[in-house]
Amino acid sequence: MTSTELKEKIKVLAKQVYKEKIKSDDAALAYDELTKFPELKAVIIDLLTSDFDKFLLSIDWVAPRPSTFRINLLNNQSFLLIFNERSWIAQVEGKKYYLLNLDEEERAAESISRILQYGAKTTEGTGAELEGADTSGTEISEPIEEPEEEL
């Protein structure tokens, strides 16, 4: 590889990285917490990539000390990000992942991916119809009466 080829390759890669950075900065403007806490934005980008805006509904600042943030996803699921003295802690479905360790960060990203796959919550009574289940034999023609208690 010649020096001119290397320079061209570096230019192309630099443009790609710069484009992703601008995209994440623009997406962060919609969330006040990400502009106030730039470290939080870096953690969310690590867990959800620079396209995090496509998956987030809102970010709530839950507690001031330790700084705790509830990340609400579009499918009405959520997880917590807690700032510790040493690093960030992701609490996903009750399990804590210390994001200082790369393997735990990967497991946290997998857990977040799993809760993103759950889909949106359905309203009561419409879940079976949405999933295409056969509900024709489940209707009750007469209401069931409770037996009266003897005193």
N, C-alpha and C. Protein backbone atom coordinates (compact mmCIF):
# COMPACT_ATOMS: atom_id res chain seq x y z
N MET A 1 0.85 -1.17 0.00
CA MET A 1 0.00 0.00 0.00
C MET A 1 0.90 1.24 0.00
N THR A 2 0.65 2.11 -0.92
CA THR A 2 1.45 3.32 -1.02
C THR A 2 0.92 4.38 -0.06
N SER A 3 1.69 5.42 0.11
CA SER A 3 1.30 6.47 1.05
C SER A 3 0.06 7.23 0.55
N THR A 4 -0.11 7.39 -0.74
CA THR A 4 -1.29 8.09 -1.25
C THR A 4 -2.56 7.25 -1.03
N GLU A 5 -2.44 5.94 -1.20
CA GLU A 5 -3.60 5.07 -0.94
C GLU A 5 -3.98 5.11 0.53
N LEU A 6 -2.98 5.12 1.40
CA LEU A 6 -3.23 5.18 2.83
C LEU A 6 -3.90 6.50 3.20
N LYS A 7 -3.44 7.59 2.63
CA LYS A 7 -4.04 8.90 2.90
C LYS A 7 -5.51 8.93 2.46
N GLU A 8 -5.79 8.38 1.30
CA GLU A 8 -7.16 8.35 0.80
C GLU A 8 -8.06 7.50 1.70
N LYS A 9 -7.53 6.37 2.15
CA LYS A 9 -8.29 5.50 3.03
C LYS A 9 -8.59 6.19 4.36
N ILE A 10 -7.63 6.91 4.89
CA ILE A 10 -7.81 7.65 6.15
C ILE A 10 -8.85 8.75 5.96
N LYS A 11 -8.83 9.43 4.83
CA LYS A 11 -9.81 10.48 4.56
C LYS A 11 -11.23 9.92 4.53
N VAL A 12 -11.41 8.78 3.90
CA VAL A 12 -12.73 8.16 3.81
C VAL A 12 -13.21 7.74 5.20
N LEU A 13 -12.34 7.12 5.98
CA LEU A 13 -12.71 6.69 7.33
C LEU A 13 -13.01 7.88 8.24
N ALA A 14 -12.23 8.95 8.12
CA ALA A 14 -12.46 10.14 8.94
C ALA A 14 -13.81 10.76 8.62
N LYS A 15 -14.19 10.78 7.36
CA LYS A 15 -15.50 11.34 6.98
C LYS A 15 -16.63 10.50 7.56
N GLN A 16 -16.48 9.17 7.57
CA GLN A 16 -17.51 8.31 8.14
C GLN A 16 -17.66 8.54 9.64
N VAL A 17 -16.55 8.62 10.35
CA VAL A 17 -16.59 8.82 11.80
C VAL A 17 -17.17 10.19 12.13
N TYR A 18 -16.77 11.20 11.40
CA TYR A 18 -17.26 12.55 11.64
C TYR A 18 -18.77 12.64 11.36
N LYS A 19 -19.25 11.94 10.33
CA LYS A 19 -20.66 11.94 9.99
C LYS A 19 -21.48 11.31 11.11
N GLU A 20 -21.01 10.19 11.69
CA GLU A 20 -21.71 9.54 12.80
C GLU A 20 -21.73 10.43 14.03
N LYS A 21 -20.64 11.15 14.29
CA LYS A 21 -20.58 12.03 15.45
C LYS A 21 -21.58 13.17 15.31
N ILE A 22 -21.68 13.75 14.16
CA ILE A 22 -22.64 14.84 13.93
C ILE A 22 -24.06 14.32 14.09
N LYS A 23 -24.33 13.11 13.59
CA LYS A 23 -25.67 12.53 13.68
C LYS A 23 -26.06 12.32 15.14
N SER A 24 -25.14 11.82 15.96
CA SER A 24 -25.45 11.59 17.37
C SER A 24 -25.59 12.91 18.12
N ASP A 25 -24.83 13.92 17.75
CA ASP A 25 -24.97 15.23 18.39
C ASP A 25 -26.33 15.85 18.08
N ASP A 26 -26.80 15.71 16.85
CA ASP A 26 -28.11 16.24 16.48
C ASP A 26 -29.23 15.51 17.20
N ALA A 27 -29.08 14.20 17.35
CA ALA A 27 -30.11 13.41 18.03
C ALA A 27 -30.15 13.73 19.52
N ALA A 28 -29.02 14.08 20.11
CA ALA A 28 -28.95 14.38 21.54
C ALA A 28 -29.65 15.68 21.90
N LEU A 29 -29.84 16.57 20.95
CA LEU A 29 -30.50 17.84 21.24
C LEU A 29 -31.95 17.66 21.69
N ALA A 30 -32.57 16.55 21.31
CA ALA A 30 -33.96 16.31 21.68
C ALA A 30 -34.12 15.93 23.14
N TYR A 31 -33.04 15.55 23.79
CA TYR A 31 -33.09 15.10 25.18
C TYR A 31 -32.26 16.05 26.04
N ASP A 32 -32.91 16.72 27.00
CA ASP A 32 -32.23 17.68 27.86
C ASP A 32 -31.13 17.02 28.68
N GLU A 33 -31.39 15.80 29.16
CA GLU A 33 -30.41 15.12 30.02
C GLU A 33 -29.11 14.84 29.28
N LEU A 34 -29.19 14.58 27.98
CA LEU A 34 -27.98 14.29 27.22
C LEU A 34 -27.14 15.54 26.99
N THR A 35 -27.77 16.71 26.95
CA THR A 35 -26.99 17.93 26.81
C THR A 35 -26.40 18.36 28.14
N LYS A 36 -27.10 18.04 29.26
CA LYS A 36 -26.58 18.39 30.59
C LYS A 36 -25.50 17.42 31.05
N PHE A 37 -25.61 16.16 30.64
CA PHE A 37 -24.67 15.12 31.08
C PHE A 37 -24.04 14.45 29.86
N PRO A 38 -22.94 14.99 29.35
CA PRO A 38 -22.32 14.41 28.15
C PRO A 38 -21.80 12.99 28.37
N GLU A 39 -21.46 12.64 29.62
CA GLU A 39 -21.00 11.28 29.89
C GLU A 39 -22.13 10.28 29.65
N LEU A 40 -23.36 10.69 29.97
CA LEU A 40 -24.52 9.83 29.75
C LEU A 40 -24.70 9.57 28.26
N LYS A 41 -24.50 10.59 27.45
CA LYS A 41 -24.63 10.42 26.01
C LYS A 41 -23.61 9.41 25.49
N ALA A 42 -22.39 9.46 26.01
CA ALA A 42 -21.36 8.52 25.58
C ALA A 42 -21.73 7.08 25.94
N VAL A 43 -22.31 6.90 27.13
CA VAL A 43 -22.72 5.55 27.55
C VAL A 43 -23.86 5.04 26.69
N ILE A 44 -24.83 5.89 26.40
CA ILE A 44 -25.96 5.47 25.57
C ILE A 44 -25.49 5.13 24.16
N ILE A 45 -24.54 5.88 23.63
CA ILE A 45 -24.01 5.57 22.31
C ILE A 45 -23.27 4.23 22.34
N ASP A 46 -22.55 3.96 23.44
CA ASP A 46 -21.86 2.67 23.56
C ASP A 46 -22.86 1.51 23.58
N LEU A 47 -23.99 1.70 24.26
CA LEU A 47 -24.96 0.62 24.40
C LEU A 47 -25.90 0.48 23.21
N LEU A 48 -26.30 1.61 22.60
CA LEU A 48 -27.33 1.59 21.55
C LEU A 48 -26.84 2.07 20.19
N THR A 49 -25.58 2.37 20.03
CA THR A 49 -24.95 2.93 18.83
C THR A 49 -25.38 4.38 18.63
N SER A 50 -24.88 5.00 17.58
CA SER A 50 -25.19 6.41 17.33
C SER A 50 -26.62 6.60 16.84
N ASP A 51 -27.32 5.53 16.52
CA ASP A 51 -28.72 5.60 16.10
C ASP A 51 -29.67 5.42 17.29
N PHE A 52 -29.24 5.82 18.48
CA PHE A 52 -30.04 5.63 19.69
C PHE A 52 -31.38 6.32 19.62
N ASP A 53 -31.50 7.38 18.85
CA ASP A 53 -32.73 8.17 18.78
C ASP A 53 -33.90 7.36 18.22
N LYS A 54 -33.62 6.35 17.43
CA LYS A 54 -34.67 5.53 16.85
C LYS A 54 -35.31 4.60 17.88
N PHE A 55 -34.68 4.43 19.04
CA PHE A 55 -35.16 3.48 20.04
C PHE A 55 -35.64 4.13 21.33
N LEU A 56 -35.30 5.40 21.56
CA LEU A 56 -35.63 6.07 22.82
C LEU A 56 -36.94 6.84 22.74
N LEU A 57 -37.72 6.72 23.80
CA LEU A 57 -38.92 7.54 23.94
C LEU A 57 -38.58 8.78 24.76
N SER A 58 -37.93 8.57 25.91
CA SER A 58 -37.54 9.70 26.76
C SER A 58 -36.46 9.24 27.74
N ILE A 59 -35.87 10.20 28.40
CA ILE A 59 -34.88 9.95 29.44
C ILE A 59 -35.33 10.72 30.67
N ASP A 60 -35.47 10.03 31.79
CA ASP A 60 -35.89 10.65 33.04
C ASP A 60 -34.74 10.64 34.03
N TRP A 61 -34.53 11.79 34.68
CA TRP A 61 -33.54 11.88 35.74
C TRP A 61 -34.26 11.47 37.01
N VAL A 62 -33.97 10.27 37.52
CA VAL A 62 -34.74 9.67 38.60
C VAL A 62 -34.22 10.10 39.97
N ALA A 63 -32.91 10.08 40.18
CA ALA A 63 -32.34 10.41 41.48
C ALA A 63 -31.06 11.22 41.30
N PRO A 64 -30.84 12.20 42.20
CA PRO A 64 -29.64 13.03 42.06
C PRO A 64 -28.36 12.35 42.56
N ARG A 65 -28.47 11.52 43.58
CA ARG A 65 -27.28 10.91 44.14
C ARG A 65 -27.54 9.50 44.57
N PRO A 66 -26.95 8.50 44.05
CA PRO A 66 -26.12 8.57 42.84
C PRO A 66 -26.99 8.93 41.64
N SER A 67 -26.41 9.63 40.71
CA SER A 67 -27.16 10.07 39.53
C SER A 67 -27.73 8.86 38.82
N THR A 68 -29.05 8.82 38.75
CA THR A 68 -29.75 7.67 38.16
C THR A 68 -30.68 8.17 37.08
N PHE A 69 -30.63 7.51 35.94
CA PHE A 69 -31.44 7.89 34.79
C PHE A 69 -32.25 6.69 34.33
N ARG A 70 -33.55 6.91 34.08
CA ARG A 70 -34.40 5.87 33.51
C ARG A 70 -34.46 6.14 32.01
N ILE A 71 -34.06 5.14 31.24
CA ILE A 71 -34.08 5.24 29.79
C ILE A 71 -35.33 4.53 29.32
N ASN A 72 -36.31 5.29 28.83
CA ASN A 72 -37.58 4.75 28.36
C ASN A 72 -37.48 4.46 26.86
N LEU A 73 -37.75 3.23 26.51
CA LEU A 73 -37.67 2.81 25.11
C LEU A 73 -39.02 2.97 24.43
N LEU A 74 -39.03 2.91 23.12
CA LEU A 74 -40.27 3.12 22.36
C LEU A 74 -41.32 2.04 22.61
N ASN A 75 -40.92 0.86 23.06
CA ASN A 75 -41.88 -0.22 23.30
C ASN A 75 -42.35 -0.24 24.76
N ASN A 76 -42.26 0.89 25.44
CA ASN A 76 -42.69 1.08 26.83
C ASN A 76 -41.89 0.24 27.83
N GLN A 77 -40.74 -0.24 27.46
CA GLN A 77 -39.82 -0.90 28.37
C GLN A 77 -38.81 0.15 28.82
N SER A 78 -38.10 -0.13 29.91
CA SER A 78 -37.10 0.83 30.37
C SER A 78 -35.98 0.10 31.07
N PHE A 79 -34.86 0.80 31.21
CA PHE A 79 -33.74 0.32 32.00
C PHE A 79 -33.10 1.52 32.67
N LEU A 80 -32.26 1.25 33.67
CA LEU A 80 -31.64 2.32 34.45
C LEU A 80 -30.16 2.42 34.14
N LEU A 81 -29.65 3.63 34.15
CA LEU A 81 -28.22 3.89 34.09
C LEU A 81 -27.86 4.68 35.34
N ILE A 82 -26.92 4.14 36.12
CA ILE A 82 -26.54 4.72 37.40
C ILE A 82 -25.07 5.12 37.32
N PHE A 83 -24.77 6.37 37.71
CA PHE A 83 -23.39 6.83 37.72
C PHE A 83 -22.76 6.50 39.06
N ASN A 84 -21.70 5.73 39.03
CA ASN A 84 -20.96 5.34 40.22
C ASN A 84 -19.62 6.09 40.20
N GLU A 85 -18.90 6.07 41.30
CA GLU A 85 -17.61 6.77 41.35
C GLU A 85 -16.63 6.23 40.31
N ARG A 86 -16.68 4.94 40.08
CA ARG A 86 -15.71 4.31 39.17
C ARG A 86 -16.21 4.25 37.73
N SER A 87 -17.49 3.94 37.55
CA SER A 87 -18.02 3.82 36.19
C SER A 87 -19.54 3.88 36.23
N TRP A 88 -20.14 3.62 35.11
CA TRP A 88 -21.59 3.56 34.99
C TRP A 88 -22.06 2.14 35.25
N ILE A 89 -23.27 2.01 35.79
CA ILE A 89 -23.90 0.72 36.02
C ILE A 89 -25.21 0.73 35.24
N ALA A 90 -25.41 -0.29 34.42
CA ALA A 90 -26.68 -0.45 33.71
C ALA A 90 -27.49 -1.51 34.45
N GLN A 91 -28.71 -1.17 34.83
CA GLN A 91 -29.60 -2.12 35.47
C GLN A 91 -30.72 -2.44 34.49
N VAL A 92 -30.64 -3.64 33.92
CA VAL A 92 -31.58 -4.08 32.90
C VAL A 92 -32.33 -5.29 33.44
N GLU A 93 -33.64 -5.16 33.57
CA GLU A 93 -34.50 -6.23 34.08
C GLU A 93 -34.00 -6.75 35.43
N GLY A 94 -33.56 -5.85 36.28
CA GLY A 94 -33.14 -6.22 37.63
C GLY A 94 -31.70 -6.68 37.75
N LYS A 95 -31.01 -6.91 36.66
CA LYS A 95 -29.62 -7.36 36.70
C LYS A 95 -28.71 -6.17 36.47
N LYS A 96 -27.66 -6.08 37.30
CA LYS A 96 -26.72 -4.96 37.19
C LYS A 96 -25.51 -5.36 36.36
N TYR A 97 -25.11 -4.46 35.48
CA TYR A 97 -23.93 -4.65 34.64
C TYR A 97 -23.00 -3.47 34.87
N TYR A 98 -21.78 -3.73 35.31
CA TYR A 98 -20.79 -2.70 35.53
C TYR A 98 -20.09 -2.42 34.20
N LEU A 99 -20.32 -1.24 33.65
CA LEU A 99 -19.89 -0.93 32.30
C LEU A 99 -18.40 -0.64 32.18
N LEU A 100 -17.68 -0.72 33.29
CA LEU A 100 -16.23 -0.57 33.24
C LEU A 100 -15.61 -1.79 32.57
N ASN A 101 -16.23 -2.95 32.74
CA ASN A 101 -15.75 -4.19 32.13
C ASN A 101 -16.37 -4.36 30.76
N LEU A 102 -15.56 -4.65 29.78
CA LEU A 102 -16.04 -4.77 28.40
C LEU A 102 -17.03 -5.92 28.25
N ASP A 103 -16.77 -7.04 28.91
CA ASP A 103 -17.69 -8.17 28.77
C ASP A 103 -19.05 -7.87 29.38
N GLU A 104 -19.08 -7.14 30.49
CA GLU A 104 -20.37 -6.77 31.08
C GLU A 104 -21.08 -5.72 30.23
N GLU A 105 -20.33 -4.84 29.59
CA GLU A 105 -20.95 -3.87 28.68
C GLU A 105 -21.60 -4.59 27.51
N GLU A 106 -20.95 -5.62 26.99
CA GLU A 106 -21.53 -6.40 25.90
C GLU A 106 -22.79 -7.13 26.35
N ARG A 107 -22.76 -7.69 27.57
CA ARG A 107 -23.95 -8.38 28.09
C ARG A 107 -25.10 -7.39 28.33
N ALA A 108 -24.77 -6.18 28.77
CA ALA A 108 -25.80 -5.16 28.95
C ALA A 108 -26.42 -4.80 27.60
N ALA A 109 -25.61 -4.65 26.57
CA ALA A 109 -26.12 -4.34 25.24
C ALA A 109 -27.02 -5.47 24.73
N GLU A 110 -26.64 -6.71 25.01
CA GLU A 110 -27.47 -7.85 24.61
C GLU A 110 -28.80 -7.86 25.36
N SER A 111 -28.76 -7.51 26.66
CA SER A 111 -30.00 -7.47 27.45
C SER A 111 -30.92 -6.36 26.95
N ILE A 112 -30.34 -5.23 26.60
CA ILE A 112 -31.15 -4.13 26.06
C ILE A 112 -31.73 -4.54 24.71
N SER A 113 -30.95 -5.23 23.91
CA SER A 113 -31.46 -5.74 22.64
C SER A 113 -32.63 -6.69 22.86
N ARG A 114 -32.52 -7.52 23.90
CA ARG A 114 -33.59 -8.47 24.21
C ARG A 114 -34.88 -7.73 24.60
N ILE A 115 -34.77 -6.68 25.43
CA ILE A 115 -36.00 -5.98 25.82
C ILE A 115 -36.54 -5.12 24.67
N LEU A 116 -35.70 -4.75 23.73
CA LEU A 116 -36.21 -4.06 22.54
C LEU A 116 -37.01 -5.02 21.66
N GLN A 117 -36.71 -6.29 21.73
CA GLN A 117 -37.41 -7.28 20.91
C GLN A 117 -38.78 -7.63 21.47
N TYR A 118 -39.08 -7.24 22.70
CA TYR A 118 -40.37 -7.59 23.29
C TYR A 118 -41.53 -6.99 22.52
N GLY A 119 -41.35 -5.87 21.91
CA GLY A 119 -42.45 -5.22 21.19
C GLY A 119 -43.27 -4.37 22.12
N ALA A 120 -44.26 -3.71 21.55
CA ALA A 120 -45.10 -2.79 22.32
C ALA A 120 -46.08 -3.57 23.18
N LYS A 121 -46.44 -2.98 24.31
CA LYS A 121 -47.45 -3.58 25.18
C LYS A 121 -48.81 -3.47 24.51
N THR A 122 -49.62 -4.51 24.68
CA THR A 122 -50.95 -4.48 24.10
C THR A 122 -51.96 -4.13 25.17
N THR A 123 -53.09 -3.58 24.75
CA THR A 123 -54.14 -3.25 25.71
C THR A 123 -54.88 -4.52 26.07
N GLU A 124 -55.59 -4.50 27.19
CA GLU A 124 -56.27 -5.68 27.70
C GLU A 124 -57.38 -6.10 26.74
N GLY A 125 -57.41 -7.39 26.40
CA GLY A 125 -58.45 -7.91 25.54
C GLY A 125 -58.11 -7.88 24.06
N THR A 126 -57.07 -7.20 23.67
CA THR A 126 -56.73 -7.14 22.25
C THR A 126 -55.48 -7.94 21.92
N GLY A 127 -54.81 -8.49 22.90
CA GLY A 127 -53.57 -9.21 22.66
C GLY A 127 -53.78 -10.45 21.81
N ALA A 128 -54.81 -11.24 22.08
CA ALA A 128 -55.04 -12.45 21.31
C ALA A 128 -55.47 -12.11 19.89
N GLU A 129 -56.26 -11.05 19.73
CA GLU A 129 -56.69 -10.70 18.39
C GLU A 129 -55.53 -10.18 17.56
N LEU A 130 -54.60 -9.48 18.20
CA LEU A 130 -53.44 -8.97 17.47
C LEU A 130 -52.52 -10.09 17.05
N GLU A 131 -52.41 -11.13 17.85
CA GLU A 131 -51.51 -12.22 17.53
C GLU A 131 -52.16 -13.24 16.59
N GLY A 132 -53.44 -13.08 16.26
CA GLY A 132 -54.09 -13.97 15.34
C GLY A 132 -54.57 -15.26 15.97
N ALA A 133 -54.75 -15.28 17.28
CA ALA A 133 -55.21 -16.49 17.96
C ALA A 133 -56.69 -16.71 17.68
N ASP A 134 -57.11 -17.95 17.74
CA ASP A 134 -58.51 -18.30 17.51
C ASP A 134 -59.29 -18.04 18.79
N THR A 135 -60.17 -17.06 18.77
CA THR A 135 -60.96 -16.70 19.95
C THR A 135 -62.44 -17.03 19.76
N SER A 136 -62.76 -17.80 18.71
CA SER A 136 -64.17 -18.06 18.42
C SER A 136 -64.84 -18.93 19.48
N GLY A 137 -64.12 -19.84 20.12
CA GLY A 137 -64.74 -20.72 21.10
C GLY A 137 -64.64 -20.24 22.52
N THR A 138 -64.18 -19.05 22.74
CA THR A 138 -63.97 -18.57 24.10
C THR A 138 -65.06 -17.65 24.60
N GLU A 139 -66.04 -17.37 23.78
CA GLU A 139 -67.10 -16.46 24.22
C GLU A 139 -68.08 -17.18 25.14
N ILE A 140 -68.57 -16.50 26.15
CA ILE A 140 -69.52 -17.04 27.11
C ILE A 140 -70.86 -16.38 26.84
N SER A 141 -71.89 -17.20 26.63
CA SER A 141 -73.20 -16.64 26.29
C SER A 141 -73.92 -16.10 27.52
N GLU A 142 -73.78 -16.77 28.68
CA GLU A 142 -74.44 -16.31 29.90
C GLU A 142 -73.39 -16.00 30.95
N PRO A 143 -73.61 -14.95 31.73
CA PRO A 143 -72.63 -14.65 32.77
C PRO A 143 -72.67 -15.71 33.86
N ILE A 144 -71.54 -15.98 34.44
CA ILE A 144 -71.44 -16.95 35.52
C ILE A 144 -71.78 -16.25 36.82
N GLU A 145 -72.71 -16.87 37.57
CA GLU A 145 -73.12 -16.27 38.84
C GLU A 145 -72.33 -16.91 39.97
N GLU A 146 -71.93 -16.08 40.90
CA GLU A 146 -71.22 -16.56 42.08
C GLU A 146 -72.21 -17.16 43.06
N PRO A 147 -71.91 -18.29 43.70
CA PRO A 147 -72.82 -18.86 44.70
C PRO A 147 -72.88 -17.95 45.93
N GLU A 148 -74.08 -17.84 46.49
CA GLU A 148 -74.25 -16.99 47.65
C GLU A 148 -73.72 -17.71 48.89
N GLU A 149 -73.09 -16.95 49.73
CA GLU A 149 -72.57 -17.52 50.98
C GLU A 149 -73.67 -17.58 52.01
N GLU A 150 -73.68 -18.67 52.77
CA GLU A 150 -74.66 -18.81 53.84
C GLU A 150 -74.12 -18.19 55.09
N LEU A 151 -74.95 -17.42 55.78
CA LEU A 151 -74.54 -16.76 57.01
C LEU A 151 -74.85 -17.57 58.21
